[in-house]
Amino acid sequence: MGHIVKTKAGTYRANWRDHTDRQRSKTFSTKREAVAFLAEINASLNRGTYVDPHASKTKFGLYADTWLKSRNHELATAARDASIMRNHVLARWHDLPLGKIDHSAVQAWITDLGKRLSPATVIECHRLLSGVMKSAVRDRLIGANPCEGVRLPKRRRQDDDDRIITREQFTALLRHVPDRYRAVVALAAGAGLRWGECAGLRWDAVDLDAGTVRVLRVAVEVNGHVSIKPYPKSRAGRREVPLPCFAVDLLTAHRDAFPPGPLGEVFIVRSGNLMSRHTFRARVWRPSLVRAGLLGSVVPSGGGFVGTWTDKAGTEQNKNFPTKEEAVTYIAQHAGEGLRFHDLRHCYATWLVSEGVPVNDVAGLIGHEQISTTLNRYTHASRDRNNRARAVFADFSLTLASEPAPEAPPRDLDT
């Protein structure tokens, strides 16, 4: 139950045992304060809501570091969370004691982040801060999670229908991709494989005679280092996907032209290493978009070339270049985001749905456990949606027009 002792200095020390049966104490200038405090401590111990009155002085940064290291997450997830924690969360709360972080301060922080970052990033910042504070509540370092009830910015689905390219645009893009990487692009658009599933593919999972590919393992890239994870993203991710004829042809040509990796990897760079996503994006993907006219344009002008592109701020830019390759390289580096490699997966799902493939089958082909994920993320309006909708009712108006008019006089709606 605890007891109070008067010290030689004339103060009063409240003594008690906490929920772990460790001896605790706190000193007060008057006995009344000590009695009131001890009564509150005893009540919280009885209710199971006890919080160490000294623990709230723990610095957020120190506790957050312990919290991050204790989690059992995939390498890519851990690296992403560590980056967000370092750049956004710790930048604000690192030196503040846990007990000094209140709801109002968190709400003000979230509001300020919303002015500078995307809603998705702000939500991730809140998730990490809330995770740390929720753990502190469980460890009885603080009494409540100040992140509860904080209003977050709403995720708004971007109008990205322009990222769903036509089959003709894809064919043009494929012609401008270097031979060594053409089959990678074909797998993303023709089988809906993620980047990690393409980069981690081995020949033992490819059956060119049957025209199928099995997703068994994926490549994971963390801080520039690529490694193989011996299982896909989820249980539904382990799947068999049919290959279209163009993908089979390109994979066959790739097998004949380029030797496999030491473990039978389908795609390796000239040095023999696995492909890096960031290097592929900068040196292969974006230059290919420029050459195909999907990211700016390069046209001859006099003795050189004129490059035209839209920068990251949405402003159109023009510049003269002595060679076409210099123009392509410059535009690839300075243009806005444009079509992403992952958008080919969106195209794959949208093309299938547009041709009448049931959504549950599409979800299975691209490795989704929930059909709602397929509907919300990977299907977009087809370009001929309006005409297809009209076609459904093409004969409906003719049928109504051919029917005889009613003999009875029309009745007023109010009668």
Protein backbone atom coordinates (compact mmCIF):
# COMPACT_ATOMS: atom_id res chain seq x y z
CA MET A 1 0.00 0.00 0.00
CA GLY A 2 2.98 2.32 0.50
CA HIS A 3 4.04 4.58 3.32
CA ILE A 4 5.34 8.10 4.00
CA VAL A 5 8.63 8.95 5.72
CA LYS A 6 9.76 12.35 6.94
CA THR A 7 13.31 13.07 5.86
CA LYS A 8 16.06 14.88 7.80
CA ALA A 9 15.60 17.85 5.49
CA GLY A 10 11.99 18.24 6.68
CA THR A 11 10.42 16.97 3.47
CA TYR A 12 8.16 13.93 3.06
CA ARG A 13 9.02 10.92 0.93
CA ALA A 14 6.22 8.72 -0.43
CA ASN A 15 7.32 5.09 -0.85
CA TRP A 16 5.48 2.39 -2.80
CA ARG A 17 5.99 -0.73 -4.88
CA ASP A 18 5.04 -0.53 -8.56
CA HIS A 19 3.32 -3.13 -10.75
CA THR A 20 6.62 -5.03 -11.09
CA ASP A 21 7.13 -5.03 -7.29
CA ARG A 22 10.06 -2.63 -7.52
CA GLN A 23 10.49 -0.08 -4.73
CA ARG A 24 9.73 3.50 -5.83
CA SER A 25 9.74 6.84 -4.06
CA LYS A 26 9.05 10.54 -4.61
CA THR A 27 9.69 13.50 -2.29
CA PHE A 28 7.26 16.35 -1.48
CA SER A 29 7.56 19.53 0.53
CA THR A 30 4.39 18.84 2.59
CA LYS A 31 2.84 15.72 4.04
CA ARG A 32 -0.53 16.58 2.48
CA GLU A 33 0.99 16.46 -1.00
CA ALA A 34 2.68 13.15 -0.23
CA VAL A 35 -0.56 11.61 1.11
CA ALA A 36 -2.58 12.77 -1.92
CA PHE A 37 0.04 11.48 -4.32
CA LEU A 38 0.30 8.09 -2.60
CA ALA A 39 -3.49 7.73 -2.65
CA GLU A 40 -3.50 8.34 -6.40
CA ILE A 41 -0.69 5.82 -6.92
CA ASN A 42 -2.54 3.15 -4.92
CA ALA A 43 -5.74 3.78 -6.86
CA SER A 44 -3.98 3.48 -10.22
CA LEU A 45 -2.32 0.24 -9.11
CA ASN A 46 -5.70 -1.17 -8.14
CA ARG A 47 -7.26 -0.09 -11.46
CA GLY A 48 -4.33 -1.38 -13.51
CA THR A 49 -3.61 2.09 -14.93
CA TYR A 50 -0.39 2.73 -13.03
CA VAL A 51 2.22 4.93 -14.73
CA ASP A 52 5.71 5.46 -13.36
CA PRO A 53 5.81 9.18 -12.45
CA HIS A 54 9.51 9.34 -13.36
CA ALA A 55 9.35 7.41 -16.62
CA SER A 56 7.62 10.16 -18.60
CA LYS A 57 10.92 12.06 -18.51
CA THR A 58 12.39 9.55 -20.96
CA LYS A 59 13.42 11.33 -24.17
CA PHE A 60 11.35 10.42 -27.23
CA GLY A 61 14.40 9.83 -29.43
CA LEU A 62 15.93 7.30 -27.06
CA TYR A 63 12.69 5.35 -26.68
CA ALA A 64 11.86 5.53 -30.42
CA ASP A 65 15.23 4.03 -31.30
CA THR A 66 14.57 1.08 -28.97
CA TRP A 67 11.05 0.70 -30.42
CA LEU A 68 12.31 0.60 -34.03
CA LYS A 69 14.95 -2.02 -33.26
CA SER A 70 12.46 -4.27 -31.45
CA ARG A 71 10.09 -4.63 -34.41
CA ASN A 72 10.14 -7.71 -36.63
CA HIS A 73 9.58 -6.30 -40.12
CA GLU A 74 10.80 -6.99 -43.64
CA LEU A 75 14.02 -5.22 -44.65
CA ALA A 76 12.31 -2.87 -47.10
CA THR A 77 9.60 -1.92 -44.59
CA ALA A 78 12.15 -1.35 -41.84
CA ALA A 79 14.28 0.84 -44.12
CA ARG A 80 11.27 2.92 -45.19
CA ASP A 81 10.08 3.45 -41.62
CA ALA A 82 13.58 4.34 -40.43
CA SER A 83 13.84 6.97 -43.16
CA ILE A 84 10.50 8.57 -42.29
CA MET A 85 11.31 8.45 -38.59
CA ARG A 86 14.70 10.09 -39.11
CA ASN A 87 13.63 12.79 -41.57
CA HIS A 88 10.26 13.82 -40.16
CA VAL A 89 9.39 12.38 -36.73
CA LEU A 90 12.68 12.66 -34.87
CA ALA A 91 13.29 16.06 -36.43
CA ARG A 92 10.40 17.35 -34.30
CA TRP A 93 10.25 15.17 -31.18
CA HIS A 94 13.77 13.79 -30.62
CA ASP A 95 14.75 15.75 -27.48
CA LEU A 96 11.29 16.06 -25.94
CA PRO A 97 10.33 13.89 -22.93
CA LEU A 98 7.49 11.46 -23.64
CA GLY A 99 5.32 13.07 -20.98
CA LYS A 100 5.63 16.50 -22.61
CA ILE A 101 4.06 15.40 -25.93
CA ASP A 102 0.36 16.31 -25.83
CA HIS A 103 -2.55 16.06 -28.24
CA SER A 104 -2.53 19.74 -29.23
CA ALA A 105 1.17 19.65 -30.11
CA VAL A 106 0.71 16.53 -32.25
CA GLN A 107 -2.26 18.08 -34.08
CA ALA A 108 -0.26 21.25 -34.80
CA TRP A 109 2.63 19.14 -36.11
CA ILE A 110 0.35 17.13 -38.41
CA THR A 111 -1.22 20.34 -39.75
CA ASP A 112 2.22 21.80 -40.47
CA LEU A 113 3.38 18.62 -42.22
CA GLY A 114 0.26 18.73 -44.39
CA LYS A 115 1.45 22.02 -45.87
CA ARG A 116 4.74 20.49 -47.04
CA LEU A 117 4.19 16.78 -47.58
CA SER A 118 1.69 14.57 -49.37
CA PRO A 119 -1.26 13.17 -47.36
CA ALA A 120 0.19 9.67 -47.65
CA THR A 121 3.51 10.75 -46.11
CA VAL A 122 1.77 12.69 -43.32
CA ILE A 123 -0.29 9.61 -42.46
CA GLU A 124 2.87 7.52 -42.30
CA CYS A 125 4.50 10.07 -39.97
CA HIS A 126 1.48 9.91 -37.67
CA ARG A 127 1.50 6.09 -37.78
CA LEU A 128 5.09 5.94 -36.56
CA LEU A 129 4.66 8.57 -33.84
CA SER A 130 1.47 6.88 -32.67
CA GLY A 131 3.21 3.49 -32.65
CA VAL A 132 5.94 4.78 -30.36
CA MET A 133 3.48 6.47 -28.00
CA LYS A 134 1.17 3.44 -27.93
CA SER A 135 4.13 1.29 -26.92
CA ALA A 136 5.01 3.81 -24.22
CA VAL A 137 1.47 3.47 -22.83
CA ARG A 138 1.83 -0.33 -22.72
CA ASP A 139 5.17 0.05 -20.94
CA ARG A 140 3.42 2.39 -18.46
CA LEU A 141 5.70 5.28 -19.27
CA ILE A 142 2.77 7.58 -20.07
CA GLY A 143 -0.91 7.42 -19.25
CA ALA A 144 -2.46 7.95 -22.70
CA ASN A 145 -1.54 8.11 -26.37
CA PRO A 146 -1.64 11.79 -27.44
CA CYS A 147 -1.96 10.75 -31.10
CA GLU A 148 -5.47 9.36 -30.65
CA GLY A 149 -8.15 11.54 -32.17
CA VAL A 150 -5.74 13.59 -34.28
CA ARG A 151 -7.33 14.70 -37.55
CA LEU A 152 -5.34 13.51 -40.55
CA PRO A 153 -5.40 14.75 -44.16
CA LYS A 154 -7.52 12.62 -46.45
CA ARG A 155 -5.90 10.50 -49.09
CA ARG A 156 -7.23 11.66 -52.43
CA ARG A 157 -6.95 9.36 -55.38
CA GLN A 158 -4.98 11.13 -58.06
CA ASP A 159 -6.30 11.50 -61.54
CA ASP A 160 -3.76 9.18 -63.09
CA ASP A 161 -5.70 7.82 -66.03
CA ASP A 162 -2.99 9.32 -68.24
CA ARG A 163 -0.66 6.68 -66.83
CA ILE A 164 -2.70 3.93 -68.45
CA ILE A 165 -1.14 3.77 -71.89
CA THR A 166 -2.66 2.17 -74.95
CA ARG A 167 -1.39 -1.02 -76.53
CA GLU A 168 0.03 1.05 -79.38
CA GLN A 169 1.95 3.26 -76.95
CA PHE A 170 3.27 0.20 -75.15
CA THR A 171 4.45 -1.31 -78.44
CA ALA A 172 6.25 1.93 -79.26
CA LEU A 173 7.83 2.00 -75.80
CA LEU A 174 9.00 -1.59 -76.10
CA ARG A 175 10.86 -0.79 -79.33
CA HIS A 176 12.89 1.89 -77.54
CA VAL A 177 13.89 -0.25 -74.53
CA PRO A 178 17.43 -1.71 -74.81
CA ASP A 179 17.48 -5.40 -75.80
CA ARG A 180 18.87 -6.53 -72.45
CA TYR A 181 15.88 -5.13 -70.54
CA ARG A 182 13.03 -5.53 -73.05
CA ALA A 183 11.78 -8.77 -71.48
CA VAL A 184 11.60 -7.08 -68.05
CA VAL A 185 9.20 -4.49 -69.41
CA ALA A 186 7.23 -7.23 -71.17
CA LEU A 187 6.75 -9.13 -67.90
CA ALA A 188 5.43 -6.04 -66.10
CA ALA A 189 2.90 -5.20 -68.81
CA GLY A 190 2.12 -8.70 -70.07
CA ALA A 191 2.00 -10.58 -66.75
CA GLY A 192 1.48 -7.83 -64.15
CA LEU A 193 4.65 -8.66 -62.22
CA ARG A 194 6.01 -6.19 -59.67
CA TRP A 195 9.55 -4.90 -60.01
CA GLY A 196 10.85 -7.18 -57.24
CA GLU A 197 9.15 -10.19 -58.85
CA CYS A 198 10.80 -9.39 -62.20
CA ALA A 199 14.23 -8.69 -60.72
CA GLY A 200 14.14 -11.84 -58.57
CA LEU A 201 12.94 -14.18 -61.32
CA ARG A 202 14.96 -17.33 -62.02
CA TRP A 203 14.71 -19.65 -64.98
CA ASP A 204 13.42 -22.52 -62.82
CA ALA A 205 10.18 -20.54 -62.47
CA VAL A 206 9.74 -19.95 -66.21
CA ASP A 207 8.11 -22.47 -68.55
CA LEU A 208 8.37 -21.09 -72.08
CA ASP A 209 6.77 -24.18 -73.63
CA ALA A 210 3.66 -23.83 -71.48
CA GLY A 211 3.81 -20.04 -71.59
CA THR A 212 3.71 -19.54 -67.81
CA VAL A 213 5.79 -17.93 -65.09
CA ARG A 214 5.63 -18.77 -61.37
CA VAL A 215 6.26 -16.11 -58.74
CA LEU A 216 8.32 -17.87 -56.06
CA ARG A 217 10.78 -15.24 -54.81
CA VAL A 218 11.38 -11.51 -55.03
CA ALA A 219 14.31 -9.11 -55.07
CA VAL A 220 14.52 -6.59 -52.22
CA GLU A 221 16.61 -3.42 -52.46
CA VAL A 222 17.67 -1.57 -49.31
CA ASN A 223 20.17 1.29 -49.40
CA GLY A 224 21.37 0.26 -52.84
CA HIS A 225 21.96 -3.39 -51.89
CA VAL A 226 19.84 -5.99 -53.70
CA SER A 227 19.10 -9.35 -52.10
CA ILE A 228 16.66 -12.18 -52.77
CA LYS A 229 13.76 -12.95 -50.44
CA PRO A 230 12.69 -16.60 -50.86
CA TYR A 231 8.97 -15.82 -50.78
CA PRO A 232 6.72 -13.18 -52.38
CA LYS A 233 5.00 -10.20 -50.80
CA SER A 234 1.98 -12.16 -49.52
CA ARG A 235 0.43 -15.61 -49.66
CA ALA A 236 -1.56 -14.57 -52.73
CA GLY A 237 1.67 -13.34 -54.28
CA ARG A 238 2.85 -16.94 -54.81
CA ARG A 239 1.07 -17.63 -58.08
CA GLU A 240 1.33 -18.83 -61.66
CA VAL A 241 0.69 -16.31 -64.41
CA PRO A 242 0.11 -16.99 -68.12
CA LEU A 243 2.48 -15.25 -70.51
CA PRO A 244 1.29 -13.54 -73.69
CA CYS A 245 3.01 -14.51 -76.92
CA PHE A 246 5.12 -11.35 -77.10
CA ALA A 247 6.48 -12.00 -73.58
CA VAL A 248 7.34 -15.60 -74.48
CA ASP A 249 9.14 -14.42 -77.62
CA LEU A 250 11.11 -11.76 -75.75
CA LEU A 251 12.05 -14.14 -72.93
CA THR A 252 13.20 -16.71 -75.49
CA ALA A 253 15.33 -14.10 -77.22
CA HIS A 254 16.69 -12.95 -73.86
CA ARG A 255 17.66 -16.50 -72.88
CA ASP A 256 19.53 -16.98 -76.14
CA ALA A 257 21.31 -13.61 -76.00
CA PHE A 258 22.20 -13.16 -72.34
CA PRO A 259 23.62 -15.78 -69.93
CA PRO A 260 21.80 -16.39 -66.64
CA GLY A 261 23.11 -15.38 -63.24
CA PRO A 262 25.05 -17.76 -60.97
CA LEU A 263 21.82 -19.04 -59.40
CA GLY A 264 19.86 -19.04 -62.65
CA GLU A 265 18.65 -15.44 -62.41
CA VAL A 266 16.90 -14.34 -65.60
CA PHE A 267 17.92 -10.69 -65.40
CA ILE A 268 21.39 -9.53 -64.42
CA VAL A 269 23.44 -6.52 -65.43
CA ARG A 270 26.70 -6.77 -67.38
CA SER A 271 28.72 -7.00 -64.15
CA GLY A 272 26.79 -10.12 -63.19
CA ASN A 273 24.91 -8.47 -60.32
CA LEU A 274 21.15 -8.28 -59.83
CA MET A 275 19.38 -5.27 -61.28
CA SER A 276 19.02 -2.18 -59.12
CA ARG A 277 15.65 -0.50 -59.34
CA HIS A 278 17.03 3.04 -59.01
CA THR A 279 19.76 2.46 -61.60
CA PHE A 280 17.27 0.89 -64.01
CA ARG A 281 14.92 3.84 -63.61
CA ALA A 282 17.61 6.43 -64.29
CA ARG A 283 19.59 4.71 -67.06
CA VAL A 284 17.01 2.55 -68.83
CA TRP A 285 13.40 3.33 -68.02
CA ARG A 286 13.20 7.12 -68.22
CA PRO A 287 15.46 7.45 -71.30
CA SER A 288 13.24 4.86 -73.02
CA LEU A 289 10.16 6.94 -72.20
CA VAL A 290 11.79 10.00 -73.76
CA ARG A 291 12.72 8.11 -76.95
CA ALA A 292 9.16 6.77 -77.22
CA GLY A 293 7.66 10.24 -76.84
CA LEU A 294 6.02 9.42 -73.50
CA LEU A 295 8.18 11.83 -71.49
CA GLY A 296 8.75 15.02 -73.42
CA SER A 297 9.94 15.07 -77.02
CA VAL A 298 13.15 15.43 -79.02
CA VAL A 299 12.96 16.76 -82.59
CA PRO A 300 15.70 17.70 -85.10
CA SER A 301 16.32 21.43 -85.52
CA GLY A 302 19.02 22.79 -87.81
CA GLY A 303 22.23 21.01 -86.96
CA GLY A 304 21.04 19.82 -83.55
CA PHE A 305 17.95 18.83 -81.59
CA VAL A 306 15.30 20.64 -79.55
CA GLY A 307 14.11 19.00 -76.36
CA THR A 308 10.71 19.84 -74.89
CA TRP A 309 9.48 18.58 -71.53
CA THR A 310 7.38 19.45 -68.48
CA ASP A 311 9.41 19.90 -65.31
CA LYS A 312 8.49 18.80 -61.79
CA ALA A 313 6.67 22.10 -61.17
CA GLY A 314 4.44 21.53 -64.21
CA THR A 315 6.12 24.17 -66.39
CA GLU A 316 6.97 23.43 -70.02
CA GLN A 317 10.67 23.77 -70.82
CA ASN A 318 12.67 23.88 -74.07
CA LYS A 319 16.37 23.56 -74.73
CA ASN A 320 18.72 23.00 -77.69
CA PHE A 321 21.16 20.07 -77.72
CA PRO A 322 23.96 19.14 -80.12
CA THR A 323 23.04 15.41 -80.15
CA LYS A 324 19.87 13.42 -79.64
CA GLU A 325 21.41 11.30 -76.88
CA GLU A 326 22.33 14.39 -74.86
CA ALA A 327 18.75 15.62 -75.18
CA VAL A 328 17.35 12.26 -74.08
CA THR A 329 19.64 12.08 -71.05
CA TYR A 330 18.90 15.65 -69.96
CA ILE A 331 15.11 15.31 -70.28
CA ALA A 332 15.17 11.97 -68.43
CA GLN A 333 16.91 13.71 -65.51
CA HIS A 334 14.87 16.92 -65.41
CA ALA A 335 11.34 16.03 -66.51
CA GLY A 336 8.45 15.38 -64.11
CA GLU A 337 7.61 11.90 -62.91
CA GLY A 338 5.83 10.58 -66.00
CA LEU A 339 4.95 6.93 -66.47
CA ARG A 340 6.37 4.71 -63.73
CA PHE A 341 7.52 1.13 -64.22
CA HIS A 342 4.87 0.07 -61.68
CA ASP A 343 2.21 1.71 -63.87
CA LEU A 344 2.65 -1.16 -66.33
CA ARG A 345 1.09 -3.35 -63.65
CA HIS A 346 -1.84 -0.92 -63.52
CA CYS A 347 -2.09 -1.17 -67.32
CA TYR A 348 -2.12 -4.97 -67.16
CA ALA A 349 -5.03 -5.06 -64.71
CA THR A 350 -6.96 -2.36 -66.56
CA TRP A 351 -6.51 -4.04 -69.92
CA LEU A 352 -7.82 -7.34 -68.52
CA VAL A 353 -10.85 -5.78 -66.86
CA SER A 354 -11.63 -3.73 -69.98
CA GLU A 355 -11.70 -6.93 -72.03
CA GLY A 356 -14.18 -8.56 -69.66
CA VAL A 357 -11.89 -10.71 -67.49
CA PRO A 358 -13.67 -11.10 -64.10
CA VAL A 359 -12.17 -8.97 -61.35
CA ASN A 360 -11.65 -11.96 -59.05
CA ASP A 361 -9.54 -13.61 -61.77
CA VAL A 362 -7.55 -10.41 -62.25
CA ALA A 363 -6.94 -10.23 -58.49
CA GLY A 364 -5.56 -13.77 -58.55
CA LEU A 365 -3.31 -13.07 -61.53
CA ILE A 366 -1.70 -9.99 -59.98
CA GLY A 367 -1.44 -11.52 -56.50
CA HIS A 368 -4.02 -9.62 -54.45
CA GLU A 369 -5.64 -11.22 -51.41
CA GLN A 370 -8.58 -8.77 -51.52
CA ILE A 371 -10.59 -8.02 -54.67
CA SER A 372 -11.21 -4.51 -53.31
CA THR A 373 -7.48 -3.80 -53.65
CA THR A 374 -7.68 -4.60 -57.35
CA LEU A 375 -10.73 -2.40 -57.83
CA ASN A 376 -9.39 0.55 -55.87
CA ARG A 377 -5.81 0.63 -57.08
CA TYR A 378 -5.28 -1.14 -60.35
CA THR A 379 -8.32 -0.58 -62.54
CA HIS A 380 -9.03 2.62 -64.40
CA ALA A 381 -11.63 3.83 -66.83
CA SER A 382 -11.05 2.55 -70.34
CA ARG A 383 -10.66 5.19 -73.01
CA ASP A 384 -13.80 4.06 -74.86
CA ARG A 385 -15.94 3.85 -71.69
CA ASN A 386 -18.59 6.28 -72.93
CA ASN A 387 -19.06 4.51 -76.26
CA ARG A 388 -19.24 1.11 -74.57
CA ALA A 389 -21.86 2.40 -72.13
CA ARG A 390 -23.96 3.75 -75.01
CA ALA A 391 -23.61 0.45 -76.86
CA VAL A 392 -25.39 -1.36 -74.02
CA PHE A 393 -28.50 0.74 -74.66
CA ALA A 394 -28.15 0.99 -78.43
CA ASP A 395 -31.39 -0.95 -79.10
CA PHE A 396 -33.22 0.19 -75.99
CA SER A 397 -34.46 3.53 -77.39
CA LEU A 398 -35.52 1.85 -80.64
CA THR A 399 -37.60 -0.64 -78.68
CA LEU A 400 -39.38 2.12 -76.80
CA ALA A 401 -39.97 4.07 -80.00
CA SER A 402 -41.59 1.10 -81.71
CA GLU A 403 -44.13 0.48 -78.94
CA PRO A 404 -47.67 1.97 -79.39
CA ALA A 405 -48.63 4.98 -77.31
CA PRO A 406 -50.81 4.25 -74.25
CA GLU A 407 -54.59 4.53 -74.84
CA ALA A 408 -55.45 5.89 -71.39
CA PRO A 409 -54.87 9.62 -70.81
CA PRO A 410 -51.82 10.43 -68.70
CA ARG A 411 -52.47 10.93 -65.00
CA ASP A 412 -51.05 13.75 -62.95
CA LEU A 413 -48.42 12.64 -60.40
CA ASP A 414 -50.36 14.26 -57.57
CA THR A 415 -53.55 12.27 -58.20
